[in-house]
C-alpha atoms as a PDB file:
ATOM      1  CA  MET A   1     -74.641 201.162 211.150  1.00  0.00           C
ATOM      2  CA  GLY A   2     -75.136 200.830 214.873  1.00  0.00           C
ATOM      3  CA  SER A   3     -78.036 198.477 214.333  1.00  0.00           C
ATOM      4  CA  VAL A   4     -75.781 195.770 212.847  1.00  0.00           C
ATOM      5  CA  LYS A   5     -76.225 192.685 214.917  1.00  0.00           C
ATOM      6  CA  GLY A   6     -74.309 189.494 215.637  1.00  0.00           C
ATOM      7  CA  ILE A   7     -74.065 186.657 218.121  1.00  0.00           C
ATOM      8  CA  VAL A   8     -71.454 187.122 220.876  1.00  0.00           C
ATOM      9  CA  SER A   9     -70.429 184.213 223.136  1.00  0.00           C
ATOM     10  CA  ASN A  10     -68.719 186.226 225.853  1.00  0.00           C
ATOM     11  CA  ILE A  11     -66.581 189.275 226.492  1.00  0.00           C
ATOM     12  CA  GLU A  12     -63.464 188.672 228.559  1.00  0.00           C
ATOM     13  CA  GLU A  13     -62.550 191.784 230.393  1.00  0.00           C
ATOM     14  CA  MET A  14     -59.015 192.829 231.575  1.00  0.00           C
ATOM     15  CA  ALA A  15     -57.169 190.137 229.659  1.00  0.00           C
ATOM     16  CA  VAL A  16     -53.392 190.323 229.279  1.00  0.00           C
ATOM     17  CA  HIS A  17     -53.036 188.084 226.198  1.00  0.00           C
ATOM     18  CA  ASP A  18     -54.205 188.096 222.548  1.00  0.00           C
ATOM     19  CA  GLY A  19     -52.711 191.501 222.022  1.00  0.00           C
ATOM     20  CA  PRO A  20     -50.648 194.052 223.903  1.00  0.00           C
ATOM     21  CA  GLY A  21     -51.543 195.738 227.174  1.00  0.00           C
ATOM     22  CA  LEU A  22     -54.863 195.231 229.062  1.00  0.00           C
ATOM     23  CA  ARG A  23     -57.613 194.117 226.653  1.00  0.00           C
ATOM     24  CA  SER A  24     -61.191 193.187 226.305  1.00  0.00           C
ATOM     25  CA  LEU A  25     -61.574 190.016 224.195  1.00  0.00           C
ATOM     26  CA  ILE A  26     -64.799 189.776 222.198  1.00  0.00           C
ATOM     27  CA  PHE A  27     -65.639 186.257 221.180  1.00  0.00           C
ATOM     28  CA  LEU A  28     -68.022 186.117 218.191  1.00  0.00           C
ATOM     29  CA  LYS A  29     -69.965 182.942 217.296  1.00  0.00           C
ATOM     30  CA  GLY A  30     -69.385 181.635 213.765  1.00  0.00           C
ATOM     31  CA  CYS A  31     -66.544 179.947 211.887  1.00  0.00           C
ATOM     32  CA  ARG A  32     -66.497 178.158 208.593  1.00  0.00           C
ATOM     33  CA  LEU A  33     -63.473 176.079 209.377  1.00  0.00           C
ATOM     34  CA  ARG A  34     -63.753 172.815 211.218  1.00  0.00           C
ATOM     35  CA  CYS A  35     -60.347 172.370 212.846  1.00  0.00           C
ATOM     36  CA  LYS A  36     -60.170 168.935 214.487  1.00  0.00           C
ATOM     37  CA  TRP A  37     -58.275 170.422 217.525  1.00  0.00           C
ATOM     38  CA  CYS A  38     -60.571 173.490 217.812  1.00  0.00           C
ATOM     39  CA  GLN A  39     -60.020 175.333 221.108  1.00  0.00           C
ATOM     40  CA  ASN A  40     -63.508 176.913 221.007  1.00  0.00           C
ATOM     41  CA  PRO A  41     -65.952 174.398 219.495  1.00  0.00           C
ATOM     42  CA  GLU A  42     -68.817 176.387 221.091  1.00  0.00           C
ATOM     43  CA  LEU A  43     -68.000 179.214 218.662  1.00  0.00           C
ATOM     44  CA  GLN A  44     -68.218 177.261 215.425  1.00  0.00           C
ATOM     45  CA  ASP A  45     -71.965 177.514 214.972  1.00  0.00           C
ATOM     46  CA  PHE A  46     -73.267 181.006 214.030  1.00  0.00           C
ATOM     47  CA  ARG A  47     -76.377 180.487 216.278  1.00  0.00           C
ATOM     48  CA  PRO A  48     -76.868 180.377 220.024  1.00  0.00           C
ATOM     49  CA  GLU A  49     -76.773 176.838 221.332  1.00  0.00           C
ATOM     50  CA  ILE A  50     -77.080 174.817 224.550  1.00  0.00           C
ATOM     51  CA  ARG A  51     -74.168 173.517 226.593  1.00  0.00           C
ATOM     52  CA  PHE A  52     -74.504 170.908 229.330  1.00  0.00           C
ATOM     53  CA  HIS A  53     -72.371 170.930 232.437  1.00  0.00           C
ATOM     54  CA  LYS A  54     -72.528 167.474 233.859  1.00  0.00           C
ATOM     55  CA  LEU A  55     -71.031 168.267 237.221  1.00  0.00           C
ATOM     56  CA  ARG A  56     -73.628 170.930 237.967  1.00  0.00           C
ATOM     57  CA  CYS A  57     -76.567 168.649 237.242  1.00  0.00           C
ATOM     58  CA  VAL A  58     -78.557 167.344 240.272  1.00  0.00           C
ATOM     59  CA  GLY A  59     -80.850 165.163 238.194  1.00  0.00           C
ATOM     60  CA  CYS A  60     -84.103 166.927 239.118  1.00  0.00           C
ATOM     61  CA  GLY A  61     -85.626 166.293 235.652  1.00  0.00           C
ATOM     62  CA  GLU A  62     -87.293 169.634 235.288  1.00  0.00           C
ATOM     63  CA  CYS A  63     -85.620 170.140 231.900  1.00  0.00           C
ATOM     64  CA  GLU A  64     -87.074 166.871 230.621  1.00  0.00           C
ATOM     65  CA  LYS A  65     -90.566 167.842 231.745  1.00  0.00           C
ATOM     66  CA  VAL A  66     -90.668 171.147 229.844  1.00  0.00           C
ATOM     67  CA  CYS A  67     -88.984 169.955 226.607  1.00  0.00           C
ATOM     68  CA  PRO A  68     -91.655 170.214 223.843  1.00  0.00           C
ATOM     69  CA  VAL A  69     -89.954 167.820 221.483  1.00  0.00           C
ATOM     70  CA  ASP A  70     -88.792 165.057 223.903  1.00  0.00           C
ATOM     71  CA  ALA A  71     -85.098 165.807 223.163  1.00  0.00           C
ATOM     72  CA  ILE A  72     -83.839 165.257 226.723  1.00  0.00           C
ATOM     73  CA  ASN A  73     -82.766 161.878 228.136  1.00  0.00           C
ATOM     74  CA  MET A  74     -82.040 162.027 231.824  1.00  0.00           C
ATOM     75  CA  GLU A  75     -80.429 158.615 231.777  1.00  0.00           C
ATOM     76  CA  GLY A  76     -77.666 159.622 229.398  1.00  0.00           C
ATOM     77  CA  ASP A  77     -74.989 162.164 230.422  1.00  0.00           C
ATOM     78  CA  LYS A  78     -72.996 162.064 227.181  1.00  0.00           C
ATOM     79  CA  GLU A  79     -76.201 162.314 225.079  1.00  0.00           C
ATOM     80  CA  ARG A  80     -78.368 164.299 227.458  1.00  0.00           C
ATOM     81  CA  ILE A  81     -79.773 166.371 224.597  1.00  0.00           C
ATOM     82  CA  ASP A  82     -80.689 164.815 221.180  1.00  0.00           C
ATOM     83  CA  LYS A  83     -79.560 167.585 218.880  1.00  0.00           C
ATOM     84  CA  THR A  84     -81.512 166.040 215.964  1.00  0.00           C
ATOM     85  CA  LYS A  85     -84.703 166.886 217.893  1.00  0.00           C
ATOM     86  CA  CYS A  86     -83.673 169.951 219.933  1.00  0.00           C
ATOM     87  CA  LEU A  87     -85.114 173.293 218.766  1.00  0.00           C
ATOM     88  CA  GLN A  88     -82.061 175.144 220.080  1.00  0.00           C
ATOM     89  CA  SER A  89     -82.414 178.972 219.573  1.00  0.00           C
ATOM     90  CA  GLU A  90     -86.218 178.611 218.864  1.00  0.00           C
ATOM     91  CA  CYS A  91     -86.856 177.335 222.435  1.00  0.00           C
ATOM     92  CA  PHE A  92     -84.395 177.181 225.374  1.00  0.00           C
ATOM     93  CA  GLU A  93     -87.215 176.203 227.728  1.00  0.00           C
ATOM     94  CA  CYS A  94     -84.989 173.684 229.438  1.00  0.00           C
ATOM     95  CA  VAL A  95     -82.390 176.331 230.249  1.00  0.00           C
ATOM     96  CA  LYS A  96     -85.052 178.589 231.810  1.00  0.00           C
ATOM     97  CA  VAL A  97     -85.958 175.901 234.411  1.00  0.00           C
ATOM     98  CA  CYS A  98     -82.435 174.759 235.247  1.00  0.00           C
ATOM     99  CA  THR A  99     -81.730 176.407 238.567  1.00  0.00           C
ATOM    100  CA  LYS A 100     -78.212 174.903 238.884  1.00  0.00           C
ATOM    101  CA  LYS A 101     -77.137 176.274 235.517  1.00  0.00           C
ATOM    102  CA  ALA A 102     -76.214 172.848 234.280  1.00  0.00           C
ATOM    103  CA  LEU A 103     -77.796 173.887 231.009  1.00  0.00           C
ATOM    104  CA  GLU A 104     -76.708 177.226 229.635  1.00  0.00           C
ATOM    105  CA  ILE A 105     -77.068 179.251 226.462  1.00  0.00           C
ATOM    106  CA  CYS A 106     -73.851 179.900 224.583  1.00  0.00           C
ATOM    107  CA  GLY A 107     -74.328 183.033 222.526  1.00  0.00           C
ATOM    108  CA  ARG A 108     -76.483 186.139 222.732  1.00  0.00           C
ATOM    109  CA  GLU A 109     -77.489 188.673 220.103  1.00  0.00           C
ATOM    110  CA  TYR A 110     -75.913 192.118 220.405  1.00  0.00           C
ATOM    111  CA  THR A 111     -75.807 195.206 218.295  1.00  0.00           C
ATOM    112  CA  ALA A 112     -72.374 196.597 217.527  1.00  0.00           C
ATOM    113  CA  GLU A 113     -73.123 199.651 219.650  1.00  0.00           C
ATOM    114  CA  GLN A 114     -74.025 197.471 222.643  1.00  0.00           C
ATOM    115  CA  VAL A 115     -70.646 195.751 222.311  1.00  0.00           C
ATOM    116  CA  TYR A 116     -68.882 199.030 222.029  1.00  0.00           C
ATOM    117  CA  ASP A 117     -70.635 200.411 225.084  1.00  0.00           C
ATOM    118  CA  LEU A 118     -69.531 197.425 227.129  1.00  0.00           C
ATOM    119  CA  VAL A 119     -65.864 197.564 226.263  1.00  0.00           C
ATOM    120  CA  ALA A 120     -65.502 201.335 226.102  1.00  0.00           C
ATOM    121  CA  ARG A 121     -66.062 201.502 229.851  1.00  0.00           C
ATOM    122  CA  PHE A 122     -62.466 200.384 230.335  1.00  0.00           C
ATOM    123  CA  LYS A 123     -60.854 202.973 228.016  1.00  0.00           C
ATOM    124  CA  LEU A 124     -58.923 204.431 230.942  1.00  0.00           C
ATOM    125  CA  PHE A 125     -57.304 201.108 231.620  1.00  0.00           C
ATOM    126  CA  TYR A 126     -56.459 200.555 228.003  1.00  0.00           C
ATOM    127  CA  ASP A 127     -54.940 204.010 227.729  1.00  0.00           C
ATOM    128  CA  THR A 128     -52.708 203.516 230.750  1.00  0.00           C
ATOM    129  CA  SER A 129     -51.348 200.117 229.651  1.00  0.00           C
ATOM    130  CA  ASP A 130     -49.028 199.334 226.786  1.00  0.00           C
ATOM    131  CA  ARG A 131     -51.253 199.739 223.719  1.00  0.00           C
ATOM    132  CA  GLY A 132     -54.198 198.208 225.534  1.00  0.00           C
ATOM    133  CA  GLY A 133     -57.541 197.878 223.701  1.00  0.00           C
ATOM    134  CA  ILE A 134     -59.882 195.295 222.291  1.00  0.00           C
ATOM    135  CA  THR A 135     -59.401 192.101 220.369  1.00  0.00           C
ATOM    136  CA  VAL A 136     -62.290 190.611 218.278  1.00  0.00           C
ATOM    137  CA  SER A 137     -61.872 186.878 218.156  1.00  0.00           C
ATOM    138  CA  GLY A 138     -64.138 183.925 217.700  1.00  0.00           C
ATOM    139  CA  GLY A 139     -65.152 182.012 215.800  1.00  0.00           C
ATOM    140  CA  ASP A 140     -63.698 184.263 213.191  1.00  0.00           C
ATOM    141  CA  PRO A 141     -64.513 187.977 212.698  1.00  0.00           C
ATOM    142  CA  VAL A 142     -63.971 187.887 208.974  1.00  0.00           C
ATOM    143  CA  HIS A 143     -66.867 185.411 208.783  1.00  0.00           C
ATOM    144  CA  LEU A 144     -69.097 188.140 210.310  1.00  0.00           C
ATOM    145  CA  PRO A 145     -67.556 191.130 208.481  1.00  0.00           C
ATOM    146  CA  GLU A 146     -70.269 193.784 208.913  1.00  0.00           C
ATOM    147  CA  PHE A 147     -70.683 193.145 212.633  1.00  0.00           C
ATOM    148  CA  ALA A 148     -66.987 192.878 213.351  1.00  0.00           C
ATOM    149  CA  ALA A 149     -66.187 195.936 211.221  1.00  0.00           C
ATOM    150  CA  GLU A 150     -68.723 198.109 213.016  1.00  0.00           C
ATOM    151  CA  ILE A 151     -67.477 197.162 216.481  1.00  0.00           C
ATOM    152  CA  LEU A 152     -63.872 197.918 215.395  1.00  0.00           C
ATOM    153  CA  ARG A 153     -64.866 201.248 213.754  1.00  0.00           C
ATOM    154  CA  LEU A 154     -66.615 202.458 216.853  1.00  0.00           C
ATOM    155  CA  CYS A 155     -63.668 201.589 219.085  1.00  0.00           C
ATOM    156  CA  GLN A 156     -61.016 202.979 216.727  1.00  0.00           C
ATOM    157  CA  GLU A 157     -62.874 206.259 216.380  1.00  0.00           C
ATOM    158  CA  ASP A 158     -62.763 206.452 220.239  1.00  0.00           C
ATOM    159  CA  GLY A 159     -59.035 206.045 220.189  1.00  0.00           C
ATOM    160  CA  ILE A 160     -59.072 202.434 221.418  1.00  0.00           C
ATOM    161  CA  HIS A 161     -56.433 200.114 219.987  1.00  0.00           C
ATOM    162  CA  THR A 162     -58.083 197.445 217.851  1.00  0.00           C
ATOM    163  CA  ALA A 163     -57.058 193.890 216.949  1.00  0.00           C
ATOM    164  CA  ILE A 164     -58.507 190.787 215.428  1.00  0.00           C
ATOM    165  CA  GLU A 165     -57.716 187.078 215.515  1.00  0.00           C
ATOM    166  CA  THR A 166     -58.434 185.340 212.232  1.00  0.00           C
ATOM    167  CA  CYS A 167     -57.646 182.449 209.919  1.00  0.00           C
ATOM    168  CA  LEU A 168     -58.032 184.653 206.841  1.00  0.00           C
ATOM    169  CA  HIS A 169     -60.196 182.125 204.997  1.00  0.00           C
ATOM    170  CA  ALA A 170     -62.589 184.532 203.317  1.00  0.00           C
ATOM    171  CA  ASN A 171     -63.054 186.690 200.242  1.00  0.00           C
ATOM    172  CA  TYR A 172     -60.398 189.370 200.364  1.00  0.00           C
ATOM    173  CA  GLU A 173     -62.889 192.219 200.072  1.00  0.00           C
ATOM    174  CA  LYS A 174     -64.592 190.927 203.185  1.00  0.00           C
ATOM    175  CA  ILE A 175     -61.221 190.814 204.988  1.00  0.00           C
ATOM    176  CA  MET A 176     -60.474 194.382 203.912  1.00  0.00           C
ATOM    177  CA  GLU A 177     -63.905 195.446 205.251  1.00  0.00           C
ATOM    178  CA  VAL A 178     -62.838 194.308 208.700  1.00  0.00           C
ATOM    179  CA  THR A 179     -59.143 195.085 208.714  1.00  0.00           C
ATOM    180  CA  LYS A 180     -59.410 198.749 207.634  1.00  0.00           C
ATOM    181  CA  TYR A 181     -60.406 199.428 211.279  1.00  0.00           C
ATOM    182  CA  CYS A 182     -57.588 197.327 212.736  1.00  0.00           C
ATOM    183  CA  ASP A 183     -54.270 198.383 214.254  1.00  0.00           C
ATOM    184  CA  LEU A 184     -53.146 194.764 214.682  1.00  0.00           C
ATOM    185  CA  ILE A 185     -53.998 191.523 212.890  1.00  0.00           C
ATOM    186  CA  MET A 186     -53.151 188.139 214.449  1.00  0.00           C
ATOM    187  CA  CYS A 187     -53.343 185.408 211.797  1.00  0.00           C
ATOM    188  CA  ASP A 188     -53.326 181.667 212.289  1.00  0.00           C
ATOM    189  CA  LEU A 189     -50.989 179.642 210.064  1.00  0.00           C
ATOM    190  CA  LYS A 190     -52.067 176.009 210.660  1.00  0.00           C
ATOM    191  CA  HIS A 191     -50.089 174.124 208.035  1.00  0.00           C
ATOM    192  CA  MET A 192     -47.985 174.915 204.968  1.00  0.00           C
ATOM    193  CA  ASP A 193     -49.078 171.767 203.078  1.00  0.00           C
ATOM    194  CA  SER A 194     -52.504 172.434 201.463  1.00  0.00           C
ATOM    195  CA  ASP A 195     -53.625 168.739 201.670  1.00  0.00           C
ATOM    196  CA  LYS A 196     -52.664 168.477 205.271  1.00  0.00           C
ATOM    197  CA  HIS A 197     -54.336 171.833 205.948  1.00  0.00           C
ATOM    198  CA  LYS A 198     -57.620 170.524 204.436  1.00  0.00           C
ATOM    199  CA  GLU A 199     -57.244 167.292 206.356  1.00  0.00           C
ATOM    200  CA  GLY A 200     -57.139 169.175 209.640  1.00  0.00           C
ATOM    201  CA  THR A 201     -59.412 172.118 209.070  1.00  0.00           C
ATOM    202  CA  GLY A 202     -61.768 171.146 206.203  1.00  0.00           C
ATOM    203  CA  VAL A 203     -60.312 173.733 203.758  1.00  0.00           C
ATOM    204  CA  PRO A 204     -57.109 174.036 201.736  1.00  0.00           C
ATOM    205  CA  ASN A 205     -54.611 176.800 202.482  1.00  0.00           C
ATOM    206  CA  GLU A 206     -54.118 178.597 199.118  1.00  0.00           C
ATOM    207  CA  LEU A 207     -56.758 181.288 199.819  1.00  0.00           C
ATOM    208  CA  ILE A 208     -55.290 181.891 203.285  1.00  0.00           C
ATOM    209  CA  LEU A 209     -51.716 182.286 202.017  1.00  0.00           C
ATOM    210  CA  GLU A 210     -52.734 184.537 199.120  1.00  0.00           C
ATOM    211  CA  ASN A 211     -54.758 186.755 201.490  1.00  0.00           C
ATOM    212  CA  LEU A 212     -51.765 186.986 203.840  1.00  0.00           C
ATOM    213  CA  LYS A 213     -49.522 188.105 200.976  1.00  0.00           C
ATOM    214  CA  LYS A 214     -52.032 190.748 199.935  1.00  0.00           C
ATOM    215  CA  LEU A 215     -52.376 191.994 203.516  1.00  0.00           C
ATOM    216  CA  ASN A 216     -48.579 192.331 203.693  1.00  0.00           C
ATOM    217  CA  ASN A 217     -48.764 194.709 200.748  1.00  0.00           C
ATOM    218  CA  ASN A 218     -51.885 196.635 201.682  1.00  0.00           C
ATOM    219  CA  PHE A 219     -52.343 196.673 205.470  1.00  0.00           C
ATOM    220  CA  LYS A 220     -50.672 199.593 207.251  1.00  0.00           C
ATOM    221  CA  GLY A 221     -50.780 198.170 210.760  1.00  0.00           C
ATOM    222  CA  GLU A 222     -49.012 195.307 212.426  1.00  0.00           C
ATOM    223  CA  ILE A 223     -49.327 191.679 211.373  1.00  0.00           C
ATOM    224  CA  HIS A 224     -48.591 188.859 213.831  1.00  0.00           C
ATOM    225  CA  ILE A 225     -48.541 185.172 212.920  1.00  0.00           C
ATOM    226  CA  ARG A 226     -49.637 182.397 215.305  1.00  0.00           C
ATOM    227  CA  ILE A 227     -48.960 178.691 214.796  1.00  0.00           C
ATOM    228  CA  PRO A 228     -51.095 176.430 217.024  1.00  0.00           C
ATOM    229  CA  LEU A 229     -48.824 173.437 217.608  1.00  0.00           C
ATOM    230  CA  ILE A 230     -50.923 170.293 217.141  1.00  0.00           C
ATOM    231  CA  PRO A 231     -49.255 166.983 218.149  1.00  0.00           C
ATOM    232  CA  GLY A 232     -48.430 164.818 215.138  1.00  0.00           C
ATOM    233  CA  TYR A 233     -50.013 167.267 212.693  1.00  0.00           C
ATOM    234  CA  ASN A 234     -47.938 170.437 212.258  1.00  0.00           C
ATOM    235  CA  ASP A 235     -45.488 170.525 215.209  1.00  0.00           C
ATOM    236  CA  ASN A 236     -42.662 168.967 213.217  1.00  0.00           C
ATOM    237  CA  LYS A 237     -39.521 170.993 212.381  1.00  0.00           C
ATOM    238  CA  GLU A 238     -40.100 170.695 208.643  1.00  0.00           C
ATOM    239  CA  ASN A 239     -43.448 172.518 208.828  1.00  0.00           C
ATOM    240  CA  ILE A 240     -42.069 175.205 211.130  1.00  0.00           C
ATOM    241  CA  LYS A 241     -39.118 175.705 208.780  1.00  0.00           C
ATOM    242  CA  GLU A 242     -41.392 175.976 205.676  1.00  0.00           C
ATOM    243  CA  SER A 243     -43.645 178.417 207.606  1.00  0.00           C
ATOM    244  CA  VAL A 244     -40.736 180.706 208.421  1.00  0.00           C
ATOM    245  CA  GLN A 245     -39.411 180.487 204.851  1.00  0.00           C
ATOM    246  CA  PHE A 246     -42.799 181.517 203.496  1.00  0.00           C
ATOM    247  CA  LEU A 247     -43.125 184.422 205.958  1.00  0.00           C
ATOM    248  CA  ASP A 248     -39.567 185.711 205.646  1.00  0.00           C
ATOM    249  CA  PRO A 249     -40.219 187.934 202.590  1.00  0.00           C
ATOM    250  CA  LEU A 250     -43.442 189.420 204.139  1.00  0.00           C
ATOM    251  CA  LYS A 251     -41.825 192.503 205.637  1.00  0.00           C
ATOM    252  CA  ASN A 252     -44.965 193.690 207.499  1.00  0.00           C
ATOM    253  CA  VAL A 253     -45.108 190.420 209.469  1.00  0.00           C
ATOM    254  CA  THR A 254     -43.317 191.348 212.675  1.00  0.00           C
ATOM    255  CA  GLY A 255     -43.877 188.550 215.078  1.00  0.00           C
ATOM    256  CA  LEU A 256     -44.477 184.796 215.255  1.00  0.00           C
ATOM    257  CA  ASP A 257     -46.080 182.976 218.196  1.00  0.00           C
ATOM    258  CA  LEU A 258     -45.670 179.215 218.699  1.00  0.00           C
ATOM    259  CA  LEU A 259     -48.722 178.113 220.685  1.00  0.00           C
ATOM    260  CA  PRO A 260     -48.199 174.914 222.680  1.00  0.00           C
ATOM    261  CA  PHE A 261     -51.013 172.420 222.464  1.00  0.00           C
ATOM    262  CA  ASN A 262     -53.869 173.046 224.878  1.00  0.00           C
ATOM    263  CA  THR A 263     -55.616 170.003 226.370  1.00  0.00           C
ATOM    264  CA  PHE A 264     -58.460 171.921 228.129  1.00  0.00           C
ATOM    265  CA  PRO A 265     -60.963 171.991 225.259  1.00  0.00           C
ATOM    266  CA  VAL A 266     -62.029 168.374 226.028  1.00  0.00           C
ATOM    267  CA  THR A 267     -64.579 169.677 228.531  1.00  0.00           C
ATOM    268  CA  LYS A 268     -66.029 172.047 225.965  1.00  0.00           C
ATOM    269  CA  PHE A 269     -66.505 169.244 223.468  1.00  0.00           C
ATOM    270  CA  GLU A 270     -68.168 167.105 226.128  1.00  0.00           C
ATOM    271  CA  SER A 271     -70.577 169.922 227.088  1.00  0.00           C
ATOM    272  CA  LEU A 272     -71.634 170.075 223.386  1.00  0.00           C
ATOM    273  CA  PHE A 273     -71.943 166.253 223.086  1.00  0.00           C
ATOM    274  CA  LEU A 274     -69.163 166.189 220.563  1.00  0.00           C
ATOM    275  CA  PRO A 275     -66.221 163.768 220.296  1.00  0.00           C
ATOM    276  CA  TRP A 276     -62.661 165.249 220.307  1.00  0.00           C
ATOM    277  CA  GLU A 277     -60.055 163.590 218.178  1.00  0.00           C
ATOM    278  CA  TYR A 278     -57.261 164.972 220.371  1.00  0.00           C
ATOM    279  CA  LYS A 279     -58.676 163.865 223.730  1.00  0.00           C
ATOM    280  CA  ASP A 280     -55.608 161.797 224.594  1.00  0.00           C
ATOM    281  CA  ALA A 281     -53.025 164.100 223.063  1.00  0.00           C
ATOM    282  CA  GLU A 282     -50.418 165.773 225.275  1.00  0.00           C
ATOM    283  CA  ARG A 283     -48.756 169.176 225.290  1.00  0.00           C
ATOM    284  CA  GLN A 284     -45.302 169.286 223.702  1.00  0.00           C
ATOM    285  CA  SER A 285     -42.434 169.142 226.159  1.00  0.00           C
ATOM    286  CA  ASP A 286     -40.672 172.325 227.196  1.00  0.00           C
ATOM    287  CA  GLU A 287     -37.507 170.976 225.703  1.00  0.00           C
ATOM    288  CA  TYR A 288     -39.080 170.346 222.291  1.00  0.00           C
ATOM    289  CA  LEU A 289     -40.833 173.749 222.339  1.00  0.00           C
ATOM    290  CA  LYS A 290     -37.461 175.358 223.022  1.00  0.00           C
ATOM    291  CA  THR A 291     -35.995 173.547 219.987  1.00  0.00           C
ATOM    292  CA  LEU A 292     -38.769 174.899 217.744  1.00  0.00           C
ATOM    293  CA  LYS A 293     -38.241 178.448 219.078  1.00  0.00           C
ATOM    294  CA  GLU A 294     -34.540 178.191 218.426  1.00  0.00           C
ATOM    295  CA  LEU A 295     -35.255 177.114 214.895  1.00  0.00           C
ATOM    296  CA  VAL A 296     -37.383 180.243 214.316  1.00  0.00           C
ATOM    297  CA  ASP A 297     -34.833 182.442 216.069  1.00  0.00           C
ATOM    298  CA  SER A 298     -32.048 181.082 213.866  1.00  0.00           C
ATOM    299  CA  TYR A 299     -33.470 183.014 210.955  1.00  0.00           C
ATOM    300  CA  GLY A 300     -33.037 186.267 212.855  1.00  0.00           C
ATOM    301  CA  ARG A 301     -36.203 187.590 211.233  1.00  0.00           C
ATOM    302  CA  PHE A 302     -39.044 187.492 213.755  1.00  0.00           C
ATOM    303  CA  GLU A 303     -39.686 188.235 217.344  1.00  0.00           C
ATOM    304  CA  CYS A 304     -40.759 184.715 218.396  1.00  0.00           C
ATOM    305  CA  THR A 305     -42.627 183.787 221.594  1.00  0.00           C
ATOM    306  CA  LEU A 306     -43.861 180.565 223.119  1.00  0.00           C
ATOM    307  CA  GLY A 307     -47.453 180.897 224.144  1.00  0.00           C
ATOM    308  CA  GLY A 308     -48.141 184.224 222.494  1.00  0.00           C
ATOM    309  CA  LEU A 309     -47.890 186.237 225.691  1.00  0.00           C
ATOM    310  CA  TRP A 310     -47.217 189.930 225.062  1.00  0.00           C
END
């Protein structure tokens, strides 16, 4: 199965988050949710795509000259590339001539073995840290089950600790295909109200909650829940309380991370010529975050962190 291929955005080496110990984070491209606050909008599309970095551009116009479909407008920064015309992964001629790297390709095809070879180089570091290893993220690895599963299998067979980050919105058989090679699963829980969940992500939450309950019964490793706190959407005490009450009977769920709102994705949306609904939103105050953590801690059930740092 080493010839299984997928699109990888990047591999972050020697990370100290998104799992215990020193880790390599593998970011796959492809997600079927459309969260309005998405932290990695460049990973939603399953294909390679072009990003434009305005501050690097010197206005030389070479990209405009080589574009075969007249999709580049040098007079417009926000709409530098007309995506309705751009050939994207069929072309990339503009990227080839951009010497300042103002235009770059996000995503490259790898085989699972190539990914394994890249991350296995650091096995010594994983082994000498606290359960260090790899985390397959995205996008969402359960939306690329064969590719993600083969990366995880190769690593696990080499004695490397394996983890994934997922929203669990997929057919359960596909989830099992991936998670059977996992030591740790980190699951997003975005909202307990299904209508609100659909409003924010494009999908209801029933399938996600049902998959989480099934995993609790079937998965032999560790399950960790993460709640991304989105201002005015899910960061109220009622939603946090309902989340904890739902999770309480799931005995294989051992930890809960409250993730403060991150304002940095605005530059990612701009580089993809996309609007961001949360452009003017602010991170929750430290005082309010402490209040939410105390609410979780009052149940005495989970190891709760702010920020998800291990």
